[in-house]
Amino acid sequence: LFRCVSIRENDDGTYAITAVQHVPEKEAIVDNGAHFDGDQSGTVNGVTPPAVQHLTAEVTADSGEYQVLARWDTPKVVKGVSFLLRLTVAADDGSERLVSTARTTETTYRFTQLALGNYRLTVRAVNAWGQQGDPASVSFRIAAPAAPSRIELTPGYFQITATPHLAVYDPTVQFEFWFSEKRIADIRQVETSARYLGTALYWIAASINIKPGRDYYFYIRSVNTVGKSAFVEAVGRASDDAEGYLDFFKGQITESHLGKELLEKVELTEDNASRLEEFSKEWKDASDKWNAMWGVKIEQTKDGKHYVAGIGLSMEDTEEGKLSQFLVAANRIAFIDPANGNETPMFVAQGNQIFMNDVFLKRLTAPTITSGGNPPAFSLTPDGRLTAKNADISGNVNANSGTLNNVTINENCRVLGKLSANQIEGDLVKTVGKAFPRDSRAPERWPSGTITVR
């Protein structure tokens, strides 16, 4: 039986153990009151080194070489404690190869001139007598990051938020964001064909040029101090919530200089009063940028209520640049072509609705489309449900399931799966080729016997 006195770790990963053989008579000596002189702090009854905690490893690059700064702390401070560091790297066969060992009295240490690879750092405290505390380990990787595993695109009003995600979270990784209004067929041409937005954990691409109903392309790659991953493509659209856009524009209009001037109430001195005002302003703001507006408005009061109607033009500086506006404040807006005495308007906006006689559009985006009639003869809802009383389709029809009533197939029909029918009208014939047995006793070996067809 032996008692361990000290354990020392060698550079090759082995351990040197110093032990003394147990002497049974020692217990009797202690029981008889033997006195031990000297400092006993180095024995097993001394102060055990504290455990290492909050161990981190930060990878940095310096002139093409990679360094790692390790930081840690301990729950308490013990005099005479130092720290043993052991750095290993994963080998091709899955084993770990020792890279470096070190000893320091500080709670930071920097490893330099490291190659690419997957590393593991172990730190433990040790006192002057060789006693070691509980170790702490951290793994880190010196390599270009993995590409995003998925990209989440969140639509907004004239904006799209791109949020990349990694298969395994890595706090050292950020993302490069590139943007294009057209798809880039050759992803190697992203840096020359797309517009660089910036580097961050997510990005909000916001602009009045991001229009609803159109596809926009993001090209995103992971970056860290070592390198960059391949690009990943994601395609998204701005919000198609028409009602939400109207609320969005409401805020934009009421906060503009022209909107405030046109909708601002002027307290009339008496009830049932009327006031006609023409305004014209031109000025420089605090950023030394020009703003100008012109307009006419009518204000009236009746039975204690305030009414306003007006029209205005403006040119204002905004965060996105120059913005020209034409605003009309009225219950009804109409356009009439008076040719040949015509009085029928071609366009009327009233009661949150627009009425037009004849419309020719290059492009239409509408979450819901409903035809006239009661009930409507045709409707298309945002969830993709199409309802039509009559449909003549000259092209291909692809469907995963459904029900057909009173269908006529004019030409050939091919069923690749199983066909089940409650009733079949007409002839069904199944033919097989099979030879009848022949009677060897007959002069001409006539067919003789029976066969079964299954």
Protein backbone atom coordinates (compact mmCIF):
# COMPACT_ATOMS: atom_id res chain seq x y z
CA LEU A 1 0.00 0.00 0.00
CA PHE A 2 1.37 3.40 -1.02
CA ARG A 3 0.41 7.01 -0.33
CA CYS A 4 0.67 9.45 -3.22
CA VAL A 5 2.87 12.43 -2.46
CA SER A 6 2.87 14.28 -5.80
CA ILE A 7 1.87 13.94 -9.43
CA ARG A 8 3.72 15.71 -12.23
CA GLU A 9 2.55 15.93 -15.83
CA ASN A 10 5.22 15.40 -18.48
CA ASP A 11 5.40 17.14 -21.88
CA ASP A 12 4.47 13.92 -23.68
CA GLY A 13 1.18 13.59 -21.80
CA THR A 14 2.36 11.00 -19.26
CA TYR A 15 2.47 11.49 -15.50
CA ALA A 16 5.25 10.98 -12.94
CA ILE A 17 3.93 9.86 -9.54
CA THR A 18 5.91 10.09 -6.29
CA ALA A 19 4.61 7.89 -3.47
CA VAL A 20 5.74 6.47 -0.10
CA GLN A 21 5.01 3.01 1.18
CA HIS A 22 2.49 2.75 3.97
CA VAL A 23 3.90 1.79 7.38
CA PRO A 24 1.30 0.14 9.64
CA GLU A 25 3.20 1.10 12.80
CA LYS A 26 2.61 4.77 11.99
CA GLU A 27 -0.94 4.61 13.31
CA ALA A 28 0.30 3.36 16.65
CA ILE A 29 2.83 6.18 16.81
CA VAL A 30 0.07 8.72 16.21
CA ASP A 31 -2.21 7.06 18.74
CA ASN A 32 0.56 7.26 21.34
CA GLY A 33 0.78 11.00 20.93
CA ALA A 34 3.72 11.47 18.60
CA HIS A 35 4.39 15.15 17.74
CA PHE A 36 5.09 16.23 14.17
CA ASP A 37 7.14 19.41 13.68
CA GLY A 38 7.34 21.57 10.56
CA ASP A 39 5.00 23.20 8.05
CA GLN A 40 2.13 20.82 7.28
CA SER A 41 0.56 22.96 4.55
CA GLY A 42 2.08 20.75 1.88
CA THR A 43 0.32 17.64 3.07
CA VAL A 44 -3.08 16.39 2.12
CA ASN A 45 -4.39 18.46 5.01
CA GLY A 46 -3.11 21.69 3.41
CA VAL A 47 -5.01 24.16 1.17
CA THR A 48 -6.22 22.59 -2.08
CA PRO A 49 -5.69 24.82 -5.15
CA PRO A 50 -8.92 26.49 -6.33
CA ALA A 51 -10.78 25.33 -9.41
CA VAL A 52 -10.38 27.27 -12.65
CA GLN A 53 -13.59 28.85 -13.95
CA HIS A 54 -14.82 31.14 -16.76
CA LEU A 55 -12.15 29.89 -19.17
CA THR A 56 -12.33 31.53 -22.61
CA ALA A 57 -10.14 31.47 -25.73
CA GLU A 58 -10.12 34.38 -28.21
CA VAL A 59 -8.59 33.81 -31.65
CA THR A 60 -6.87 36.76 -33.35
CA ALA A 61 -4.80 37.12 -36.51
CA ASP A 62 -1.49 38.96 -36.74
CA SER A 63 0.40 39.22 -40.05
CA GLY A 64 -0.98 35.93 -41.31
CA GLU A 65 -0.31 34.11 -38.03
CA TYR A 66 -2.94 33.11 -35.52
CA GLN A 67 -2.86 33.73 -31.80
CA VAL A 68 -5.11 32.67 -28.96
CA LEU A 69 -5.55 34.70 -25.80
CA ALA A 70 -6.78 32.55 -22.92
CA ARG A 71 -8.50 34.15 -19.92
CA TRP A 72 -9.85 32.61 -16.72
CA ASP A 73 -10.38 33.29 -13.03
CA THR A 74 -10.77 31.42 -9.73
CA PRO A 75 -13.44 31.69 -7.03
CA LYS A 76 -10.79 32.65 -4.45
CA VAL A 77 -7.21 33.87 -4.33
CA VAL A 78 -4.64 31.51 -2.80
CA LYS A 79 -1.06 32.58 -2.17
CA GLY A 80 1.58 30.71 -4.13
CA VAL A 81 -0.78 29.29 -6.76
CA SER A 82 0.25 29.07 -10.40
CA PHE A 83 -1.53 27.65 -13.41
CA LEU A 84 -0.65 24.80 -15.74
CA LEU A 85 -1.83 25.12 -19.35
CA ARG A 86 -2.02 22.26 -21.80
CA LEU A 87 -2.92 22.88 -25.48
CA THR A 88 -3.74 19.99 -27.83
CA VAL A 89 -4.94 19.79 -31.42
CA ALA A 90 -7.09 17.10 -33.04
CA ALA A 91 -5.13 14.84 -35.40
CA ASP A 92 -6.45 13.32 -38.63
CA ASP A 93 -7.02 9.97 -36.91
CA GLY A 94 -9.19 11.57 -34.23
CA SER A 95 -6.55 11.52 -31.52
CA GLU A 96 -5.16 14.59 -29.77
CA ARG A 97 -1.61 15.82 -30.31
CA LEU A 98 0.15 17.97 -27.73
CA VAL A 99 0.94 21.44 -29.10
CA SER A 100 2.27 23.29 -26.08
CA THR A 101 2.36 23.42 -22.30
CA ALA A 102 2.95 26.45 -20.14
CA ARG A 103 2.96 27.61 -16.54
CA THR A 104 2.03 31.09 -15.37
CA THR A 105 0.99 32.95 -12.23
CA GLU A 106 -1.31 35.26 -14.21
CA THR A 107 -4.90 34.57 -15.23
CA THR A 108 -4.18 35.21 -18.91
CA TYR A 109 -1.85 33.58 -21.39
CA ARG A 110 -1.23 34.01 -25.12
CA PHE A 111 -0.33 31.18 -27.50
CA THR A 112 1.28 32.35 -30.75
CA GLN A 113 2.12 30.95 -34.20
CA LEU A 114 -0.74 28.47 -34.23
CA ALA A 115 -1.75 26.58 -37.35
CA LEU A 116 -5.27 25.83 -38.57
CA GLY A 117 -7.04 23.12 -36.63
CA ASN A 118 -9.41 22.15 -33.83
CA TYR A 119 -7.84 22.85 -30.45
CA ARG A 120 -8.55 22.04 -26.83
CA LEU A 121 -7.09 24.06 -23.96
CA THR A 122 -7.00 22.71 -20.39
CA VAL A 123 -6.05 24.90 -17.42
CA ARG A 124 -5.67 23.86 -13.78
CA ALA A 125 -4.29 25.52 -10.67
CA VAL A 126 -1.32 24.05 -8.78
CA ASN A 127 0.22 25.09 -5.47
CA ALA A 128 3.83 25.11 -4.36
CA TRP A 129 3.66 21.49 -3.23
CA GLY A 130 2.39 20.22 -6.56
CA GLN A 131 -1.23 19.75 -5.57
CA GLN A 132 -3.54 20.40 -8.51
CA GLY A 133 -7.07 21.79 -8.53
CA ASP A 134 -9.97 20.79 -10.74
CA PRO A 135 -9.22 21.46 -14.43
CA ALA A 136 -11.27 23.54 -16.85
CA SER A 137 -11.27 23.01 -20.61
CA VAL A 138 -12.42 24.95 -23.65
CA SER A 139 -12.44 23.97 -27.31
CA PHE A 140 -11.88 26.40 -30.15
CA ARG A 141 -11.35 26.24 -33.87
CA ILE A 142 -8.85 28.08 -36.05
CA ALA A 143 -10.44 27.75 -39.48
CA ALA A 144 -12.70 29.55 -41.89
CA PRO A 145 -16.30 29.41 -40.62
CA ALA A 146 -19.03 27.16 -41.93
CA ALA A 147 -21.57 28.67 -44.30
CA PRO A 148 -24.98 29.65 -42.88
CA SER A 149 -27.22 26.61 -42.60
CA ARG A 150 -30.37 28.67 -43.15
CA ILE A 151 -31.35 32.30 -43.69
CA GLU A 152 -34.53 33.74 -42.23
CA LEU A 153 -36.04 36.61 -44.24
CA THR A 154 -38.66 38.73 -42.48
CA PRO A 155 -40.78 41.02 -44.71
CA GLY A 156 -41.53 44.60 -43.69
CA TYR A 157 -42.85 47.78 -45.26
CA PHE A 158 -40.33 48.64 -47.99
CA GLN A 159 -37.78 46.51 -46.18
CA ILE A 160 -36.56 42.95 -45.65
CA THR A 161 -34.69 41.73 -42.57
CA ALA A 162 -32.14 38.96 -43.20
CA THR A 163 -31.09 36.82 -40.22
CA PRO A 164 -28.58 34.00 -40.94
CA HIS A 165 -28.22 30.97 -38.69
CA LEU A 166 -25.37 28.50 -38.22
CA ALA A 167 -25.89 24.79 -37.70
CA VAL A 168 -23.71 25.11 -34.57
CA TYR A 169 -23.57 28.47 -32.79
CA ASP A 170 -20.18 30.18 -32.92
CA PRO A 171 -19.82 33.52 -31.08
CA THR A 172 -16.75 34.45 -33.14
CA VAL A 173 -18.66 34.46 -36.44
CA GLN A 174 -20.36 37.39 -38.14
CA PHE A 175 -21.93 37.60 -41.58
CA GLU A 176 -21.33 39.58 -44.75
CA PHE A 177 -24.49 40.79 -46.49
CA TRP A 178 -24.69 41.44 -50.25
CA PHE A 179 -27.84 42.54 -52.07
CA SER A 180 -29.10 42.32 -55.64
CA GLU A 181 -32.38 43.08 -57.38
CA LYS A 182 -31.66 40.28 -59.87
CA ARG A 183 -30.57 36.71 -59.33
CA ILE A 184 -26.86 36.11 -59.91
CA ALA A 185 -26.54 32.82 -61.78
CA ASP A 186 -22.81 32.43 -61.12
CA ILE A 187 -22.30 32.83 -57.39
CA ARG A 188 -18.62 33.54 -58.02
CA GLN A 189 -19.69 36.89 -59.47
CA VAL A 190 -21.40 38.12 -56.30
CA GLU A 191 -18.65 40.54 -55.29
CA THR A 192 -18.68 42.19 -58.72
CA SER A 193 -22.43 42.09 -59.44
CA ALA A 194 -24.12 42.57 -56.04
CA ARG A 195 -24.06 45.53 -53.66
CA TYR A 196 -22.23 45.11 -50.35
CA LEU A 197 -24.43 46.09 -47.40
CA GLY A 198 -22.18 45.44 -44.43
CA THR A 199 -21.05 42.92 -41.81
CA ALA A 200 -23.24 42.11 -38.80
CA LEU A 201 -25.29 39.38 -37.16
CA TYR A 202 -28.39 40.47 -39.12
CA TRP A 203 -29.24 43.18 -41.63
CA ILE A 204 -32.30 45.29 -42.42
CA ALA A 205 -32.37 46.23 -46.09
CA ALA A 206 -34.72 49.22 -46.12
CA SER A 207 -35.38 51.56 -49.03
CA ILE A 208 -38.27 53.02 -51.00
CA ASN A 209 -36.76 51.08 -53.92
CA ILE A 210 -37.66 47.78 -52.23
CA LYS A 211 -41.15 47.38 -53.62
CA PRO A 212 -43.81 44.87 -52.60
CA GLY A 213 -44.56 42.04 -54.99
CA ARG A 214 -40.99 41.70 -56.29
CA ASP A 215 -38.20 39.26 -55.51
CA TYR A 216 -34.94 40.52 -54.02
CA TYR A 217 -31.80 38.46 -53.55
CA PHE A 218 -29.44 38.30 -50.59
CA TYR A 219 -26.02 36.67 -50.77
CA ILE A 220 -24.65 36.00 -47.31
CA ARG A 221 -21.47 34.34 -46.05
CA SER A 222 -19.93 33.71 -42.65
CA VAL A 223 -16.73 35.55 -41.69
CA ASN A 224 -14.29 35.37 -38.81
CA THR A 225 -10.66 36.33 -38.19
CA VAL A 226 -9.45 33.33 -40.19
CA GLY A 227 -11.49 33.57 -43.38
CA LYS A 228 -14.86 33.49 -45.10
CA SER A 229 -17.29 30.76 -46.09
CA ALA A 230 -19.01 30.29 -49.43
CA PHE A 231 -21.99 32.49 -50.27
CA VAL A 232 -25.53 31.29 -49.57
CA GLU A 233 -28.40 32.71 -51.64
CA ALA A 234 -31.75 33.71 -50.17
CA VAL A 235 -34.68 35.31 -51.99
CA GLY A 236 -37.35 37.35 -50.25
CA ARG A 237 -40.06 39.96 -50.68
CA ALA A 238 -41.26 42.99 -48.80
CA SER A 239 -44.59 42.80 -46.99
CA ASP A 240 -47.72 42.45 -49.13
CA ASP A 241 -50.00 43.84 -46.41
CA ALA A 242 -51.79 46.63 -48.29
CA GLU A 243 -53.63 47.88 -45.21
CA GLY A 244 -50.37 48.06 -43.30
CA TYR A 245 -48.79 50.14 -46.07
CA LEU A 246 -51.58 52.71 -45.77
CA ASP A 247 -50.85 53.06 -42.04
CA PHE A 248 -47.16 53.30 -42.88
CA PHE A 249 -47.78 56.12 -45.36
CA LYS A 250 -50.01 57.85 -42.84
CA GLY A 251 -47.05 58.28 -40.53
CA GLN A 252 -44.79 59.35 -43.38
CA ILE A 253 -47.23 62.01 -44.60
CA THR A 254 -48.23 63.49 -41.26
CA GLU A 255 -44.57 63.86 -40.24
CA SER A 256 -43.58 65.68 -43.43
CA HIS A 257 -43.48 69.48 -43.57
CA LEU A 258 -46.20 69.61 -46.23
CA GLY A 259 -48.43 67.19 -44.34
CA LYS A 260 -48.20 69.25 -41.16
CA GLU A 261 -48.92 72.49 -43.03
CA LEU A 262 -51.84 71.06 -45.00
CA LEU A 263 -53.55 69.26 -42.10
CA GLU A 264 -52.76 71.74 -39.33
CA LYS A 265 -55.87 73.24 -37.78
CA VAL A 266 -56.21 76.99 -37.42
CA GLU A 267 -58.65 78.00 -34.73
CA LEU A 268 -61.33 80.12 -36.34
CA THR A 269 -62.75 82.82 -34.10
CA GLU A 270 -66.40 81.90 -34.60
CA ASP A 271 -68.57 78.96 -35.55
CA ASN A 272 -69.78 78.50 -39.13
CA ALA A 273 -66.73 80.41 -40.35
CA SER A 274 -64.60 79.87 -43.46
CA ARG A 275 -60.99 80.66 -44.32
CA LEU A 276 -59.05 80.35 -47.60
CA GLU A 277 -55.25 80.37 -47.37
CA GLU A 278 -52.44 80.04 -49.88
CA PHE A 279 -49.03 79.17 -48.44
CA SER A 280 -45.59 79.27 -50.01
CA LYS A 281 -42.37 78.58 -48.09
CA GLU A 282 -38.71 78.03 -48.89
CA TRP A 283 -36.03 77.51 -46.25
CA LYS A 284 -32.78 75.81 -45.23
CA ASP A 285 -32.81 73.34 -42.39
CA ALA A 286 -30.18 72.79 -39.70
CA SER A 287 -28.21 70.60 -42.11
CA ASP A 288 -28.04 73.44 -44.65
CA LYS A 289 -30.42 71.63 -47.01
CA TRP A 290 -33.17 73.31 -49.00
CA ASN A 291 -36.87 72.61 -48.47
CA ALA A 292 -39.77 74.20 -50.31
CA MET A 293 -43.54 73.84 -50.44
CA TRP A 294 -46.61 75.49 -51.91
CA GLY A 295 -50.27 74.88 -51.41
CA VAL A 296 -53.81 76.11 -50.97
CA LYS A 297 -56.24 75.02 -48.27
CA ILE A 298 -59.77 75.81 -47.17
CA GLU A 299 -60.87 75.57 -43.55
CA GLN A 300 -64.39 75.79 -42.22
CA THR A 301 -66.19 75.22 -38.97
CA LYS A 302 -69.74 74.04 -38.56
CA ASP A 303 -71.58 73.03 -35.43
CA GLY A 304 -68.31 72.96 -33.53
CA LYS A 305 -66.53 70.68 -36.02
CA HIS A 306 -63.48 71.56 -38.07
CA TYR A 307 -63.18 70.76 -41.79
CA VAL A 308 -60.18 71.15 -44.09
CA ALA A 309 -59.55 70.65 -47.79
CA GLY A 310 -56.41 71.47 -49.69
CA ILE A 311 -53.76 70.68 -52.22
CA GLY A 312 -50.00 71.05 -51.94
CA LEU A 313 -46.59 70.42 -53.52
CA SER A 314 -43.29 70.08 -51.71
CA MET A 315 -39.65 69.15 -52.12
CA GLU A 316 -38.09 68.00 -48.86
CA ASP A 317 -34.83 66.49 -47.68
CA THR A 318 -35.22 63.13 -45.92
CA GLU A 319 -32.86 60.45 -44.64
CA GLU A 320 -33.15 58.70 -48.00
CA GLY A 321 -32.58 61.86 -50.04
CA LYS A 322 -34.84 64.31 -51.84
CA LEU A 323 -38.57 63.57 -51.64
CA SER A 324 -41.16 65.35 -53.75
CA GLN A 325 -44.79 65.14 -52.67
CA PHE A 326 -48.18 66.01 -54.12
CA LEU A 327 -50.84 65.81 -51.41
CA VAL A 328 -54.58 66.28 -51.63
CA ALA A 329 -56.81 66.57 -48.57
CA ALA A 330 -60.43 65.96 -49.59
CA ASN A 331 -63.39 63.64 -49.07
CA ARG A 332 -63.62 63.02 -52.81
CA ILE A 333 -60.94 63.09 -55.49
CA ALA A 334 -62.06 62.80 -59.12
CA PHE A 335 -60.70 63.19 -62.65
CA ILE A 336 -63.08 64.18 -65.45
CA ASP A 337 -62.36 64.44 -69.16
CA PRO A 338 -64.71 67.28 -70.26
CA ALA A 339 -64.32 66.55 -73.98
CA ASN A 340 -67.62 66.65 -75.89
CA GLY A 341 -69.47 67.74 -72.80
CA ASN A 342 -68.57 64.59 -70.84
CA GLU A 343 -69.39 64.69 -67.13
CA THR A 344 -68.65 61.10 -66.16
CA PRO A 345 -65.41 60.82 -64.16
CA MET A 346 -62.76 58.38 -65.23
CA PHE A 347 -61.45 58.09 -61.66
CA VAL A 348 -63.04 58.69 -58.24
CA ALA A 349 -61.59 58.13 -54.77
CA GLN A 350 -64.12 58.35 -51.96
CA GLY A 351 -64.80 56.61 -48.67
CA ASN A 352 -61.50 54.68 -48.68
CA GLN A 353 -62.38 53.20 -52.09
CA ILE A 354 -61.24 53.90 -55.65
CA PHE A 355 -63.62 53.64 -58.61
CA MET A 356 -62.33 53.42 -62.20
CA ASN A 357 -64.14 52.74 -65.44
CA ASP A 358 -61.39 51.05 -67.45
CA VAL A 359 -57.94 50.00 -66.23
CA PHE A 360 -54.91 48.76 -68.14
CA LEU A 361 -52.10 47.64 -65.81
CA LYS A 362 -48.61 46.43 -66.57
CA ARG A 363 -48.31 44.70 -63.22
CA LEU A 364 -50.80 44.00 -60.42
CA THR A 365 -50.13 42.60 -56.96
CA ALA A 366 -53.31 41.84 -55.03
CA PRO A 367 -53.56 39.40 -52.10
CA THR A 368 -57.29 38.96 -52.78
CA ILE A 369 -59.05 39.12 -56.16
CA THR A 370 -62.84 38.93 -56.46
CA SER A 371 -64.96 39.25 -59.59
CA GLY A 372 -68.41 40.79 -59.83
CA GLY A 373 -71.60 38.86 -59.34
CA ASN A 374 -73.50 37.60 -56.33
CA PRO A 375 -72.01 35.24 -55.45
CA PRO A 376 -68.78 36.15 -57.28
CA ALA A 377 -68.03 34.03 -60.32
CA PHE A 378 -64.31 34.10 -59.56
CA SER A 379 -62.24 34.61 -56.39
CA LEU A 380 -58.64 34.13 -55.28
CA THR A 381 -57.74 34.40 -51.58
CA PRO A 382 -54.33 35.00 -49.93
CA ASP A 383 -54.08 31.33 -48.90
CA GLY A 384 -54.18 30.31 -52.58
CA ARG A 385 -57.80 29.13 -52.71
CA LEU A 386 -59.19 29.60 -56.22
CA THR A 387 -62.93 29.47 -56.87
CA ALA A 388 -64.37 29.70 -60.38
CA LYS A 389 -67.76 28.76 -61.84
CA ASN A 390 -66.31 28.01 -65.28
CA ALA A 391 -62.67 27.45 -66.18
CA ASP A 392 -61.27 26.61 -69.61
CA ILE A 393 -57.65 25.53 -69.19
CA SER A 394 -55.59 24.98 -72.32
CA GLY A 395 -52.26 24.32 -70.57
CA ASN A 396 -51.07 21.79 -68.02
CA VAL A 397 -52.82 21.13 -64.71
CA ASN A 398 -50.75 19.84 -61.79
CA ALA A 399 -52.60 18.81 -58.63
CA ASN A 400 -51.75 16.65 -55.63
CA SER A 401 -55.32 15.81 -54.68
CA GLY A 402 -58.91 16.77 -55.38
CA THR A 403 -62.31 15.70 -56.64
CA LEU A 404 -63.61 15.68 -60.23
CA ASN A 405 -67.28 15.25 -61.11
CA ASN A 406 -68.64 14.23 -64.54
CA VAL A 407 -65.28 14.27 -66.29
CA THR A 408 -64.73 13.19 -69.88
CA ILE A 409 -61.27 12.13 -71.05
CA ASN A 410 -61.21 12.73 -74.78
CA GLU A 411 -57.88 11.06 -75.41
CA ASN A 412 -55.60 8.54 -73.76
CA CYS A 413 -55.25 8.39 -69.99
CA ARG A 414 -52.33 6.82 -68.16
CA VAL A 415 -52.68 5.74 -64.52
CA LEU A 416 -49.32 5.01 -62.89
CA GLY A 417 -50.78 4.05 -59.53
CA LYS A 418 -53.72 2.00 -58.37
CA LEU A 419 -57.14 2.48 -60.01
CA SER A 420 -60.24 1.76 -57.94
CA ALA A 421 -63.72 1.83 -59.50
CA ASN A 422 -67.16 1.10 -58.06
CA GLN A 423 -68.60 0.42 -61.52
CA ILE A 424 -67.05 -0.13 -64.92
CA GLU A 425 -69.16 0.05 -68.04
CA GLY A 426 -67.75 -1.60 -71.15
CA ASP A 427 -65.54 -4.59 -71.90
CA LEU A 428 -62.37 -5.50 -70.04
CA VAL A 429 -60.07 -8.00 -71.70
CA LYS A 430 -56.93 -9.53 -70.27
CA THR A 431 -54.72 -11.50 -72.64
CA VAL A 432 -51.76 -13.73 -71.94
CA GLY A 433 -49.63 -15.97 -74.10
CA LYS A 434 -49.29 -19.55 -72.90
CA ALA A 435 -48.84 -22.88 -74.71
CA PHE A 436 -51.33 -25.74 -74.30
CA PRO A 437 -50.01 -29.18 -73.37
CA ARG A 438 -49.62 -31.53 -76.32
CA ASP A 439 -50.49 -35.19 -76.45
CA SER A 440 -47.39 -37.08 -77.51
CA ARG A 441 -49.47 -40.04 -78.55
CA ALA A 442 -51.29 -38.06 -81.26
CA PRO A 443 -49.80 -38.25 -84.78
CA GLU A 444 -49.53 -34.47 -85.09
CA ARG A 445 -48.95 -33.78 -81.37
CA TRP A 446 -52.27 -32.02 -81.07
CA PRO A 447 -52.88 -29.68 -78.15
CA SER A 448 -54.60 -31.59 -75.44
CA GLY A 449 -55.31 -30.67 -71.81
CA THR A 450 -56.08 -27.51 -69.81
CA ILE A 451 -54.20 -24.41 -68.65
CA THR A 452 -55.04 -21.93 -65.89
CA VAL A 453 -54.70 -18.18 -66.41
CA ARG A 454 -54.33 -16.04 -63.31
